[in-house]
Amino acid sequence: MATTTHLCFSPSISVSSVSSHKYQKANFLIPKTSQSRRISTIIRCNTDPLGDFGARDPFPEEIESQFGSKVLGFSDTEHKILIPTASALSLAQQECTVISPDQTPLSDYEARQLLFKVVGWKLSREDGLLKLQCTWKLRDFNCGVELINRIGKVLEGTGHLPTLHQLEQSNQVHAELWTPSIGGLSMNDFIVAAKIDQIKTSDLVPRKRVWA
């Protein structure tokens, strides 16, 4: 038994006014025990690019009912802007703090966890002391001097400076961070390393060769 069903979305119109560009016809075969019914469905396609999505203006009845005062977020709602704590800020945004001599240095585990937050740095243990080190390979000696000047400018006023020196290769600069007063690493060392990571060095490093 074949049955033809017409489904029209609002606004409803007669089937006789169906136009080819606004409607699509689809056939569905629905099994029913030993018989099958073929349903021919006409579905109205919305040609309005905006459709029925998004917010709408309230109906007059809704305004009269003062529904706005009965929902969350009305005009009397108190809004607060919370300032993030230091732990939520990136290391580069934090400031160095005063380190007391009786303060315990960071453990190996703590240092390895903080190492994920700095780029290009590595941990090194020398004479039983844990240090943070980084080496840059630059184009020439003058680029090395420029990098040292940039580091000094960025860290000016922090009160915590790394040990900087150029290696035997004149185009390499080596930085070493640790806190001598506690005999190991402190949070200040990683804060300084993160600040150094933000220094622009793309114009100082060797240019990569491009092969045709």
N, C-alpha and C. Protein backbone atom coordinates (compact mmCIF):
# COMPACT_ATOMS: atom_id res chain seq x y z
N MET A 1 0.86 -1.19 0.00
CA MET A 1 0.00 0.00 0.00
C MET A 1 0.89 1.23 0.00
N ALA A 2 0.70 2.12 -0.92
CA ALA A 2 1.51 3.33 -1.05
C ALA A 2 0.75 4.51 -0.47
N THR A 3 1.39 5.26 0.39
CA THR A 3 0.75 6.41 1.02
C THR A 3 1.61 7.63 0.78
N THR A 4 1.02 8.72 0.42
CA THR A 4 1.75 9.97 0.19
C THR A 4 1.47 10.91 1.34
N THR A 5 2.54 11.34 2.02
CA THR A 5 2.40 12.23 3.17
C THR A 5 3.17 13.51 2.89
N HIS A 6 2.56 14.64 3.15
CA HIS A 6 3.20 15.93 2.94
C HIS A 6 3.48 16.57 4.29
N LEU A 7 4.77 16.86 4.56
CA LEU A 7 5.16 17.52 5.81
C LEU A 7 5.67 18.90 5.48
N CYS A 8 5.06 19.92 6.04
CA CYS A 8 5.47 21.31 5.78
C CYS A 8 5.77 21.98 7.11
N PHE A 9 6.95 22.62 7.19
CA PHE A 9 7.31 23.37 8.37
C PHE A 9 6.70 24.76 8.27
N SER A 10 6.54 25.41 9.42
CA SER A 10 5.89 26.71 9.44
C SER A 10 6.69 27.71 8.63
N PRO A 11 6.05 28.70 7.95
CA PRO A 11 4.59 28.81 7.92
C PRO A 11 3.99 27.77 7.00
N SER A 12 2.82 27.22 7.39
CA SER A 12 2.20 26.17 6.60
C SER A 12 1.60 26.73 5.33
N ILE A 13 1.75 26.00 4.23
CA ILE A 13 1.18 26.40 2.95
C ILE A 13 0.61 25.17 2.31
N SER A 14 -0.17 25.37 1.30
CA SER A 14 -0.76 24.24 0.60
C SER A 14 0.26 23.57 -0.28
N VAL A 15 0.02 22.29 -0.56
CA VAL A 15 0.94 21.54 -1.39
C VAL A 15 0.98 22.08 -2.80
N SER A 16 -0.10 22.66 -3.24
CA SER A 16 -0.16 23.16 -4.62
C SER A 16 0.78 24.33 -4.84
N SER A 17 1.17 25.02 -3.75
CA SER A 17 2.06 26.18 -3.90
C SER A 17 3.52 25.82 -3.73
N VAL A 18 3.82 24.53 -3.71
CA VAL A 18 5.21 24.11 -3.52
C VAL A 18 6.02 24.49 -4.75
N SER A 19 7.14 25.14 -4.55
CA SER A 19 8.05 25.49 -5.64
C SER A 19 9.29 24.63 -5.54
N SER A 20 9.91 24.40 -6.66
CA SER A 20 11.02 23.45 -6.72
C SER A 20 12.22 23.91 -5.94
N HIS A 21 12.47 25.24 -5.82
CA HIS A 21 13.67 25.70 -5.16
C HIS A 21 13.50 25.85 -3.65
N LYS A 22 12.28 25.74 -3.14
CA LYS A 22 12.07 25.86 -1.71
C LYS A 22 11.77 24.53 -1.05
N TYR A 23 11.47 23.52 -1.86
CA TYR A 23 11.11 22.24 -1.29
C TYR A 23 11.95 21.15 -1.91
N GLN A 24 12.19 20.11 -1.15
CA GLN A 24 12.86 18.93 -1.64
C GLN A 24 11.97 17.72 -1.37
N LYS A 25 11.99 16.75 -2.27
CA LYS A 25 11.15 15.58 -2.14
C LYS A 25 12.01 14.38 -1.80
N ALA A 26 11.60 13.60 -0.82
CA ALA A 26 12.38 12.43 -0.40
C ALA A 26 11.43 11.26 -0.23
N ASN A 27 11.86 10.09 -0.66
CA ASN A 27 11.08 8.86 -0.54
C ASN A 27 11.68 7.98 0.53
N PHE A 28 10.88 7.46 1.41
CA PHE A 28 11.34 6.59 2.48
C PHE A 28 10.56 5.29 2.41
N LEU A 29 11.26 4.17 2.50
CA LEU A 29 10.64 2.85 2.49
C LEU A 29 10.62 2.33 3.92
N ILE A 30 9.42 2.23 4.49
CA ILE A 30 9.28 1.84 5.89
C ILE A 30 8.74 0.43 5.94
N PRO A 31 9.53 -0.53 6.43
CA PRO A 31 9.02 -1.91 6.51
C PRO A 31 7.93 -2.02 7.56
N LYS A 32 6.89 -2.79 7.24
CA LYS A 32 5.80 -3.02 8.18
C LYS A 32 5.33 -4.46 8.02
N THR A 33 5.78 -5.31 8.92
CA THR A 33 5.52 -6.76 8.91
C THR A 33 5.73 -7.29 7.51
N SER A 34 4.67 -7.84 6.91
CA SER A 34 4.81 -8.45 5.59
C SER A 34 4.61 -7.45 4.48
N GLN A 35 4.13 -6.21 4.80
CA GLN A 35 3.89 -5.21 3.78
C GLN A 35 4.88 -4.07 3.95
N SER A 36 5.02 -3.31 2.92
CA SER A 36 5.89 -2.14 2.96
C SER A 36 5.11 -0.94 2.46
N ARG A 37 5.29 0.18 3.13
CA ARG A 37 4.64 1.41 2.69
C ARG A 37 5.70 2.37 2.18
N ARG A 38 5.46 2.98 1.08
CA ARG A 38 6.37 3.97 0.53
C ARG A 38 5.77 5.35 0.82
N ILE A 39 6.51 6.14 1.57
CA ILE A 39 6.02 7.46 1.96
C ILE A 39 6.79 8.51 1.19
N SER A 40 6.10 9.34 0.48
CA SER A 40 6.71 10.44 -0.25
C SER A 40 6.57 11.70 0.60
N THR A 41 7.70 12.23 1.06
CA THR A 41 7.68 13.35 1.99
C THR A 41 8.20 14.61 1.32
N ILE A 42 7.50 15.69 1.49
CA ILE A 42 7.95 16.99 0.98
C ILE A 42 8.30 17.85 2.18
N ILE A 43 9.56 18.27 2.23
CA ILE A 43 10.06 19.06 3.36
C ILE A 43 10.45 20.44 2.87
N ARG A 44 9.96 21.43 3.54
CA ARG A 44 10.28 22.81 3.16
C ARG A 44 11.66 23.17 3.66
N CYS A 45 12.53 23.65 2.76
CA CYS A 45 13.89 24.06 3.12
C CYS A 45 13.90 25.55 3.38
N ASN A 46 14.52 25.94 4.45
CA ASN A 46 14.57 27.35 4.81
C ASN A 46 15.60 28.05 3.94
N THR A 47 15.18 29.03 3.16
CA THR A 47 16.09 29.76 2.28
C THR A 47 16.65 31.00 2.93
N ASP A 48 16.17 31.34 4.13
CA ASP A 48 16.70 32.50 4.85
C ASP A 48 18.04 32.13 5.46
N PRO A 49 19.15 32.81 5.06
CA PRO A 49 20.47 32.42 5.58
C PRO A 49 20.59 32.55 7.08
N LEU A 50 19.77 33.42 7.69
CA LEU A 50 19.83 33.59 9.13
C LEU A 50 18.98 32.56 9.85
N GLY A 51 17.96 32.05 9.17
CA GLY A 51 17.11 31.03 9.78
C GLY A 51 16.43 31.53 11.03
N ASP A 52 16.16 30.59 11.93
CA ASP A 52 15.50 30.91 13.19
C ASP A 52 16.47 30.86 14.36
N PHE A 53 17.77 31.00 14.06
CA PHE A 53 18.76 30.89 15.12
C PHE A 53 19.00 32.25 15.77
N GLY A 54 19.58 32.21 16.96
CA GLY A 54 19.95 33.43 17.64
C GLY A 54 18.87 33.93 18.57
N ALA A 55 19.12 35.11 19.18
CA ALA A 55 18.16 35.68 20.13
C ALA A 55 17.00 36.31 19.39
N ARG A 56 15.92 36.50 20.10
CA ARG A 56 14.72 37.13 19.53
C ARG A 56 14.22 38.17 20.51
N ASP A 57 13.40 39.08 20.02
CA ASP A 57 12.77 40.07 20.89
C ASP A 57 11.66 39.40 21.70
N PRO A 58 11.46 39.82 22.93
CA PRO A 58 10.40 39.20 23.75
C PRO A 58 9.02 39.55 23.22
N PHE A 59 8.10 38.64 23.44
CA PHE A 59 6.71 38.87 23.07
C PHE A 59 6.09 39.87 24.05
N PRO A 60 5.06 40.58 23.63
CA PRO A 60 4.39 41.53 24.55
C PRO A 60 3.91 40.87 25.83
N GLU A 61 3.42 39.63 25.70
CA GLU A 61 2.94 38.93 26.90
C GLU A 61 4.09 38.67 27.88
N GLU A 62 5.29 38.39 27.34
CA GLU A 62 6.44 38.15 28.21
C GLU A 62 6.86 39.42 28.92
N ILE A 63 6.80 40.54 28.20
CA ILE A 63 7.17 41.80 28.84
C ILE A 63 6.19 42.14 29.96
N GLU A 64 4.90 41.93 29.73
CA GLU A 64 3.88 42.22 30.74
C GLU A 64 4.05 41.34 31.97
N SER A 65 4.54 40.11 31.78
CA SER A 65 4.71 39.21 32.92
C SER A 65 5.97 39.49 33.72
N GLN A 66 6.81 40.46 33.22
CA GLN A 66 8.06 40.81 33.90
C GLN A 66 8.93 39.58 34.15
N PHE A 67 9.03 38.79 33.06
CA PHE A 67 9.80 37.55 33.19
C PHE A 67 11.29 37.82 33.46
N GLY A 68 11.78 39.00 33.09
CA GLY A 68 13.20 39.29 33.27
C GLY A 68 13.63 39.30 34.72
N SER A 69 12.72 39.65 35.61
CA SER A 69 13.05 39.69 37.04
C SER A 69 13.01 38.32 37.69
N LYS A 70 12.59 37.31 36.93
CA LYS A 70 12.45 35.97 37.48
C LYS A 70 13.54 35.01 37.01
N VAL A 71 14.49 35.52 36.22
CA VAL A 71 15.55 34.67 35.70
C VAL A 71 16.89 35.17 36.20
N LEU A 72 17.89 34.29 36.12
CA LEU A 72 19.23 34.67 36.54
C LEU A 72 19.82 35.69 35.58
N GLY A 73 20.64 36.58 36.08
CA GLY A 73 21.31 37.53 35.22
C GLY A 73 20.55 38.83 35.02
N PHE A 74 19.58 39.17 35.91
CA PHE A 74 18.87 40.42 35.75
C PHE A 74 19.77 41.57 36.18
N SER A 75 19.29 42.78 36.04
CA SER A 75 20.14 43.96 36.19
C SER A 75 20.75 44.11 37.57
N ASP A 76 20.15 43.50 38.58
CA ASP A 76 20.68 43.63 39.94
C ASP A 76 21.75 42.60 40.27
N THR A 77 22.09 41.76 39.30
CA THR A 77 23.11 40.74 39.55
C THR A 77 24.46 41.41 39.77
N GLU A 78 25.17 40.98 40.78
CA GLU A 78 26.49 41.53 41.09
C GLU A 78 27.55 40.80 40.28
N HIS A 79 28.34 41.56 39.53
CA HIS A 79 29.40 40.99 38.71
C HIS A 79 30.75 41.37 39.31
N LYS A 80 31.62 40.40 39.45
CA LYS A 80 32.94 40.63 40.02
C LYS A 80 34.01 40.17 39.04
N ILE A 81 35.05 40.98 38.91
CA ILE A 81 36.22 40.61 38.10
C ILE A 81 37.33 40.21 39.06
N LEU A 82 37.69 38.94 39.03
CA LEU A 82 38.69 38.43 39.95
C LEU A 82 40.08 38.58 39.34
N ILE A 83 41.02 39.12 40.12
CA ILE A 83 42.39 39.27 39.68
C ILE A 83 43.11 37.95 39.92
N PRO A 84 43.76 37.37 38.90
CA PRO A 84 44.41 36.07 39.08
C PRO A 84 45.55 36.15 40.09
N THR A 85 45.73 35.09 40.82
CA THR A 85 46.83 35.03 41.78
C THR A 85 48.14 34.82 41.04
N ALA A 86 49.25 34.98 41.74
CA ALA A 86 50.56 34.85 41.11
C ALA A 86 50.77 33.47 40.54
N SER A 87 50.20 32.44 41.19
CA SER A 87 50.39 31.08 40.70
C SER A 87 49.70 30.85 39.37
N ALA A 88 48.67 31.67 39.06
CA ALA A 88 47.95 31.52 37.79
C ALA A 88 48.62 32.26 36.65
N LEU A 89 49.54 33.16 36.95
CA LEU A 89 50.24 33.91 35.92
C LEU A 89 51.39 33.08 35.36
N SER A 90 51.79 33.39 34.13
CA SER A 90 52.95 32.72 33.57
C SER A 90 54.21 33.18 34.31
N LEU A 91 55.25 32.39 34.21
CA LEU A 91 56.48 32.73 34.94
C LEU A 91 57.03 34.07 34.50
N ALA A 92 56.93 34.37 33.20
CA ALA A 92 57.48 35.62 32.68
C ALA A 92 56.77 36.85 33.24
N GLN A 93 55.53 36.69 33.71
CA GLN A 93 54.77 37.81 34.25
C GLN A 93 54.99 38.01 35.75
N GLN A 94 55.64 37.07 36.38
CA GLN A 94 55.87 37.18 37.82
C GLN A 94 57.14 37.97 38.09
N GLU A 95 57.22 38.48 39.31
CA GLU A 95 58.38 39.26 39.73
C GLU A 95 59.22 38.45 40.71
N CYS A 96 60.52 38.69 40.66
CA CYS A 96 61.43 38.00 41.58
C CYS A 96 61.18 38.49 43.01
N THR A 97 61.31 37.58 43.94
CA THR A 97 61.11 37.90 45.35
C THR A 97 62.43 37.80 46.10
N VAL A 98 62.44 38.36 47.29
CA VAL A 98 63.65 38.30 48.12
C VAL A 98 63.80 36.89 48.67
N ILE A 99 64.99 36.33 48.52
CA ILE A 99 65.27 34.97 48.99
C ILE A 99 66.04 35.04 50.31
N SER A 100 65.48 34.43 51.34
CA SER A 100 66.16 34.40 52.64
C SER A 100 67.16 33.25 52.67
N PRO A 101 68.27 33.42 53.38
CA PRO A 101 69.31 32.38 53.41
C PRO A 101 68.82 31.04 53.97
N ASP A 102 67.79 31.06 54.82
CA ASP A 102 67.30 29.81 55.39
C ASP A 102 66.26 29.13 54.50
N GLN A 103 66.02 29.67 53.34
CA GLN A 103 65.04 29.07 52.44
C GLN A 103 65.61 27.81 51.81
N THR A 104 64.75 26.80 51.65
CA THR A 104 65.19 25.53 51.07
C THR A 104 65.18 25.61 49.55
N PRO A 105 66.24 25.18 48.90
CA PRO A 105 66.24 25.21 47.43
C PRO A 105 65.23 24.22 46.86
N LEU A 106 64.88 24.41 45.60
CA LEU A 106 63.95 23.52 44.93
C LEU A 106 64.52 22.11 44.82
N SER A 107 63.66 21.14 45.01
CA SER A 107 64.09 19.75 44.87
C SER A 107 64.25 19.41 43.40
N ASP A 108 64.87 18.26 43.13
CA ASP A 108 65.05 17.82 41.75
C ASP A 108 63.69 17.67 41.06
N TYR A 109 62.71 17.14 41.75
CA TYR A 109 61.39 16.94 41.17
C TYR A 109 60.74 18.28 40.84
N GLU A 110 60.79 19.23 41.77
CA GLU A 110 60.20 20.56 41.53
C GLU A 110 60.89 21.26 40.37
N ALA A 111 62.21 21.14 40.28
CA ALA A 111 62.95 21.77 39.19
C ALA A 111 62.58 21.15 37.84
N ARG A 112 62.40 19.83 37.81
CA ARG A 112 62.03 19.17 36.55
C ARG A 112 60.63 19.58 36.10
N GLN A 113 59.73 19.79 37.06
CA GLN A 113 58.38 20.23 36.71
C GLN A 113 58.39 21.65 36.15
N LEU A 114 59.17 22.52 36.74
CA LEU A 114 59.26 23.91 36.27
C LEU A 114 60.01 24.00 34.94
N LEU A 115 60.84 23.02 34.65
CA LEU A 115 61.61 23.03 33.42
C LEU A 115 60.70 22.97 32.20
N PHE A 116 59.49 22.42 32.34
CA PHE A 116 58.54 22.36 31.23
C PHE A 116 58.04 23.75 30.85
N LYS A 117 58.21 24.73 31.73
CA LYS A 117 57.68 26.07 31.48
C LYS A 117 58.70 27.01 30.86
N VAL A 118 59.92 26.56 30.65
CA VAL A 118 60.94 27.37 29.99
C VAL A 118 61.43 26.62 28.76
N VAL A 119 61.91 27.36 27.77
CA VAL A 119 62.28 26.77 26.48
C VAL A 119 63.80 26.83 26.30
N GLY A 120 64.39 25.70 25.94
CA GLY A 120 65.81 25.67 25.62
C GLY A 120 66.74 25.55 26.81
N TRP A 121 66.20 25.50 28.01
CA TRP A 121 67.01 25.40 29.21
C TRP A 121 67.14 23.95 29.65
N LYS A 122 68.22 23.65 30.38
CA LYS A 122 68.42 22.30 30.90
C LYS A 122 68.96 22.38 32.32
N LEU A 123 68.78 21.31 33.05
CA LEU A 123 69.29 21.22 34.41
C LEU A 123 70.67 20.58 34.41
N SER A 124 71.53 21.10 35.24
CA SER A 124 72.89 20.56 35.34
C SER A 124 73.32 20.60 36.80
N ARG A 125 73.96 19.54 37.25
CA ARG A 125 74.45 19.49 38.62
C ARG A 125 75.98 19.59 38.61
N GLU A 126 76.49 20.62 39.26
CA GLU A 126 77.93 20.85 39.33
C GLU A 126 78.33 21.04 40.79
N ASP A 127 79.28 20.24 41.22
CA ASP A 127 79.75 20.29 42.62
C ASP A 127 78.59 20.14 43.61
N GLY A 128 77.62 19.30 43.23
CA GLY A 128 76.50 19.05 44.12
C GLY A 128 75.42 20.10 44.07
N LEU A 129 75.58 21.13 43.23
CA LEU A 129 74.60 22.20 43.13
C LEU A 129 73.81 22.08 41.84
N LEU A 130 72.50 22.22 41.92
CA LEU A 130 71.63 22.14 40.74
C LEU A 130 71.53 23.53 40.11
N LYS A 131 71.82 23.59 38.80
CA LYS A 131 71.82 24.87 38.09
C LYS A 131 70.97 24.76 36.83
N LEU A 132 70.58 25.93 36.33
CA LEU A 132 69.78 26.04 35.11
C LEU A 132 70.67 26.68 34.04
N GLN A 133 70.80 26.03 32.89
CA GLN A 133 71.73 26.49 31.86
C GLN A 133 71.06 26.55 30.49
N CYS A 134 71.56 27.47 29.67
CA CYS A 134 71.09 27.60 28.30
C CYS A 134 72.22 28.14 27.43
N THR A 135 72.30 27.66 26.18
CA THR A 135 73.35 28.08 25.25
C THR A 135 72.69 28.50 23.93
N TRP A 136 73.10 29.65 23.41
CA TRP A 136 72.60 30.14 22.13
C TRP A 136 73.74 30.11 21.09
N LYS A 137 73.43 29.62 19.92
CA LYS A 137 74.36 29.67 18.80
C LYS A 137 73.92 30.78 17.87
N LEU A 138 74.78 31.80 17.72
CA LEU A 138 74.43 33.00 16.97
C LEU A 138 75.27 33.12 15.70
N ARG A 139 75.04 34.17 14.94
CA ARG A 139 75.74 34.31 13.66
C ARG A 139 77.21 34.64 13.83
N ASP A 140 77.50 35.57 14.75
CA ASP A 140 78.88 35.99 14.92
C ASP A 140 79.06 36.59 16.31
N PHE A 141 80.26 37.10 16.56
CA PHE A 141 80.59 37.66 17.87
C PHE A 141 79.71 38.87 18.20
N ASN A 142 79.48 39.73 17.23
CA ASN A 142 78.68 40.94 17.47
C ASN A 142 77.24 40.58 17.85
N CYS A 143 76.70 39.52 17.26
CA CYS A 143 75.34 39.07 17.64
C CYS A 143 75.32 38.57 19.07
N GLY A 144 76.42 37.95 19.50
CA GLY A 144 76.52 37.51 20.88
C GLY A 144 76.51 38.68 21.85
N VAL A 145 77.25 39.73 21.51
CA VAL A 145 77.27 40.93 22.34
C VAL A 145 75.89 41.56 22.40
N GLU A 146 75.18 41.58 21.26
CA GLU A 146 73.84 42.16 21.22
C GLU A 146 72.87 41.37 22.09
N LEU A 147 72.98 40.05 22.08
CA LEU A 147 72.10 39.23 22.91
C LEU A 147 72.35 39.50 24.39
N ILE A 148 73.61 39.61 24.77
CA ILE A 148 73.93 39.90 26.17
C ILE A 148 73.34 41.25 26.59
N ASN A 149 73.40 42.23 25.70
CA ASN A 149 72.84 43.55 26.00
C ASN A 149 71.32 43.48 26.15
N ARG A 150 70.67 42.69 25.30
CA ARG A 150 69.22 42.55 25.39
C ARG A 150 68.81 41.87 26.68
N ILE A 151 69.57 40.85 27.08
CA ILE A 151 69.26 40.17 28.33
C ILE A 151 69.40 41.12 29.51
N GLY A 152 70.47 41.91 29.52
CA GLY A 152 70.67 42.86 30.60
C GLY A 152 69.57 43.90 30.68
N LYS A 153 69.06 44.32 29.52
CA LYS A 153 68.00 45.34 29.49
C LYS A 153 66.69 44.77 30.03
N VAL A 154 66.36 43.52 29.64
CA VAL A 154 65.11 42.91 30.08
C VAL A 154 65.13 42.62 31.58
N LEU A 155 66.28 42.23 32.10
CA LEU A 155 66.37 41.84 33.51
C LEU A 155 66.75 42.99 34.42
N GLU A 156 66.86 44.18 33.88
CA GLU A 156 67.22 45.34 34.70
C GLU A 156 66.17 45.58 35.77
N GLY A 157 66.57 45.64 36.99
CA GLY A 157 65.65 45.90 38.09
C GLY A 157 65.08 44.65 38.73
N THR A 158 65.37 43.47 38.18
CA THR A 158 64.83 42.25 38.78
C THR A 158 65.62 41.84 40.02
N GLY A 159 66.87 42.26 40.10
CA GLY A 159 67.70 41.89 41.24
C GLY A 159 68.21 40.47 41.18
N HIS A 160 68.02 39.81 40.04
CA HIS A 160 68.47 38.42 39.91
C HIS A 160 68.99 38.24 38.48
N LEU A 161 70.30 38.22 38.33
CA LEU A 161 70.90 38.18 37.00
C LEU A 161 71.63 36.86 36.79
N PRO A 162 71.64 36.36 35.56
CA PRO A 162 72.38 35.12 35.27
C PRO A 162 73.85 35.40 35.04
N THR A 163 74.64 34.34 35.09
CA THR A 163 76.05 34.44 34.71
C THR A 163 76.13 34.22 33.21
N LEU A 164 76.64 35.25 32.49
CA LEU A 164 76.72 35.20 31.03
C LEU A 164 78.17 35.23 30.59
N HIS A 165 78.51 34.38 29.66
CA HIS A 165 79.86 34.43 29.07
C HIS A 165 79.82 33.76 27.71
N GLN A 166 80.75 34.16 26.86
CA GLN A 166 80.85 33.58 25.52
C GLN A 166 81.83 32.42 25.56
N LEU A 167 81.48 31.37 24.86
CA LEU A 167 82.30 30.16 24.84
C LEU A 167 83.49 30.36 23.90
N GLU A 168 84.30 29.30 23.78
CA GLU A 168 85.46 29.40 22.90
C GLU A 168 85.04 29.75 21.48
N GLN A 169 83.90 29.19 21.05
CA GLN A 169 83.35 29.62 19.77
C GLN A 169 82.74 31.00 19.98
N SER A 170 83.25 32.00 19.31
CA SER A 170 82.85 33.38 19.56
C SER A 170 81.39 33.66 19.23
N ASN A 171 80.74 32.74 18.53
CA ASN A 171 79.34 32.96 18.17
C ASN A 171 78.37 32.26 19.11
N GLN A 172 78.84 31.80 20.27
CA GLN A 172 77.98 31.12 21.24
C GLN A 172 77.98 31.86 22.57
N VAL A 173 76.78 32.00 23.15
CA VAL A 173 76.61 32.64 24.45
C VAL A 173 76.00 31.62 25.40
N HIS A 174 76.57 31.54 26.60
CA HIS A 174 76.13 30.57 27.60
C HIS A 174 75.61 31.31 28.82
N ALA A 175 74.42 30.91 29.30
CA ALA A 175 73.84 31.52 30.50
C ALA A 175 73.67 30.47 31.57
N GLU A 176 73.91 30.88 32.81
CA GLU A 176 73.81 29.96 33.94
C GLU A 176 73.05 30.65 35.06
N LEU A 177 72.03 29.98 35.59
CA LEU A 177 71.20 30.54 36.64
C LEU A 177 71.19 29.63 37.86
N TRP A 178 71.36 30.21 39.04
CA TRP A 178 71.19 29.53 40.31
C TRP A 178 71.23 30.58 41.41
N THR A 179 70.84 30.21 42.61
CA THR A 179 70.78 31.15 43.73
C THR A 179 71.84 30.77 44.75
N PRO A 180 72.98 31.46 44.75
CA PRO A 180 74.09 31.09 45.64
C PRO A 180 73.74 31.14 47.12
N SER A 181 72.83 32.05 47.52
CA SER A 181 72.54 32.20 48.95
C SER A 181 71.88 30.98 49.56
N ILE A 182 71.22 30.15 48.75
CA ILE A 182 70.58 28.94 49.26
C ILE A 182 71.24 27.68 48.70
N GLY A 183 72.26 27.87 47.87
CA GLY A 183 72.99 26.71 47.35
C GLY A 183 72.19 25.84 46.41
N GLY A 184 71.41 26.45 45.52
CA GLY A 184 70.62 25.68 44.57
C GLY A 184 69.69 26.58 43.78
N LEU A 185 68.64 25.99 43.26
CA LEU A 185 67.69 26.74 42.45
C LEU A 185 66.52 27.25 43.27
N SER A 186 66.05 28.44 42.92
CA SER A 186 64.85 29.02 43.51
C SER A 186 63.88 29.37 42.39
N MET A 187 62.68 29.79 42.77
CA MET A 187 61.69 30.18 41.78
C MET A 187 62.19 31.36 40.95
N ASN A 188 63.01 32.22 41.55
CA ASN A 188 63.54 33.37 40.82
C ASN A 188 64.33 32.94 39.59
N ASP A 189 65.04 31.84 39.67
CA ASP A 189 65.83 31.37 38.53
C ASP A 189 64.94 31.05 37.34
N PHE A 190 63.81 30.41 37.58
CA PHE A 190 62.90 30.05 36.49
C PHE A 190 62.13 31.27 35.99
N ILE A 191 61.84 32.21 36.87
CA ILE A 191 61.19 33.45 36.43
C ILE A 191 62.11 34.21 35.48
N VAL A 192 63.39 34.31 35.84
CA VAL A 192 64.36 35.00 34.98
C VAL A 192 64.53 34.25 33.66
N ALA A 193 64.59 32.93 33.70
CA ALA A 193 64.71 32.15 32.47
C ALA A 193 63.53 32.39 31.55
N ALA A 194 62.31 32.47 32.12
CA ALA A 194 61.12 32.72 31.31
C ALA A 194 61.14 34.11 30.70
N LYS A 195 61.65 35.08 31.43
CA LYS A 195 61.77 36.44 30.88
C LYS A 195 62.78 36.46 29.74
N ILE A 196 63.86 35.72 29.87
CA ILE A 196 64.87 35.66 28.81
C ILE A 196 64.29 34.99 27.57
N ASP A 197 63.43 34.01 27.77
CA ASP A 197 62.81 33.30 26.63
C ASP A 197 62.00 34.24 25.75
N GLN A 198 61.52 35.34 26.30
CA GLN A 198 60.69 36.27 25.53
C GLN A 198 61.51 37.25 24.70
N ILE A 199 62.82 37.22 24.85
CA ILE A 199 63.68 38.13 24.09
C ILE A 199 63.74 37.68 22.63
N LYS A 200 63.63 38.61 21.71
CA LYS A 200 63.70 38.31 20.30
C LYS A 200 65.13 37.95 19.91
N THR A 201 65.31 36.80 19.27
CA THR A 201 66.64 36.36 18.83
C THR A 201 66.66 35.94 17.36
N SER A 202 65.50 36.04 16.68
CA SER A 202 65.43 35.56 15.29
C SER A 202 66.38 36.31 14.37
N ASP A 203 66.69 37.57 14.68
CA ASP A 203 67.59 38.34 13.84
C ASP A 203 69.06 38.13 14.20
N LEU A 204 69.32 37.31 15.22
CA LEU A 204 70.70 37.08 15.66
C LEU A 204 71.20 35.68 15.33
N VAL A 205 70.30 34.75 15.14
CA VAL A 205 70.71 33.36 14.88
C VAL A 205 71.10 33.19 13.42
N PRO A 206 71.87 32.13 13.10
CA PRO A 206 72.26 31.89 11.70
C PRO A 206 71.04 31.68 10.82
N ARG A 207 71.10 32.20 9.61
CA ARG A 207 70.01 32.03 8.66
C ARG A 207 70.03 30.62 8.10
N LYS A 208 68.85 30.05 7.97
CA LYS A 208 68.75 28.71 7.42
C LYS A 208 68.88 28.74 5.89
N ARG A 209 69.57 27.75 5.36
CA ARG A 209 69.72 27.66 3.92
C ARG A 209 68.44 27.11 3.30
N VAL A 210 68.07 27.69 2.17
CA VAL A 210 66.89 27.22 1.45
C VAL A 210 67.36 26.62 0.15
N TRP A 211 67.11 25.32 -0.03
CA TRP A 211 67.54 24.63 -1.23
C TRP A 211 66.42 24.64 -2.25
N ALA A 212 66.79 24.93 -3.49
CA ALA A 212 65.81 24.99 -4.58
C ALA A 212 65.39 23.59 -4.96
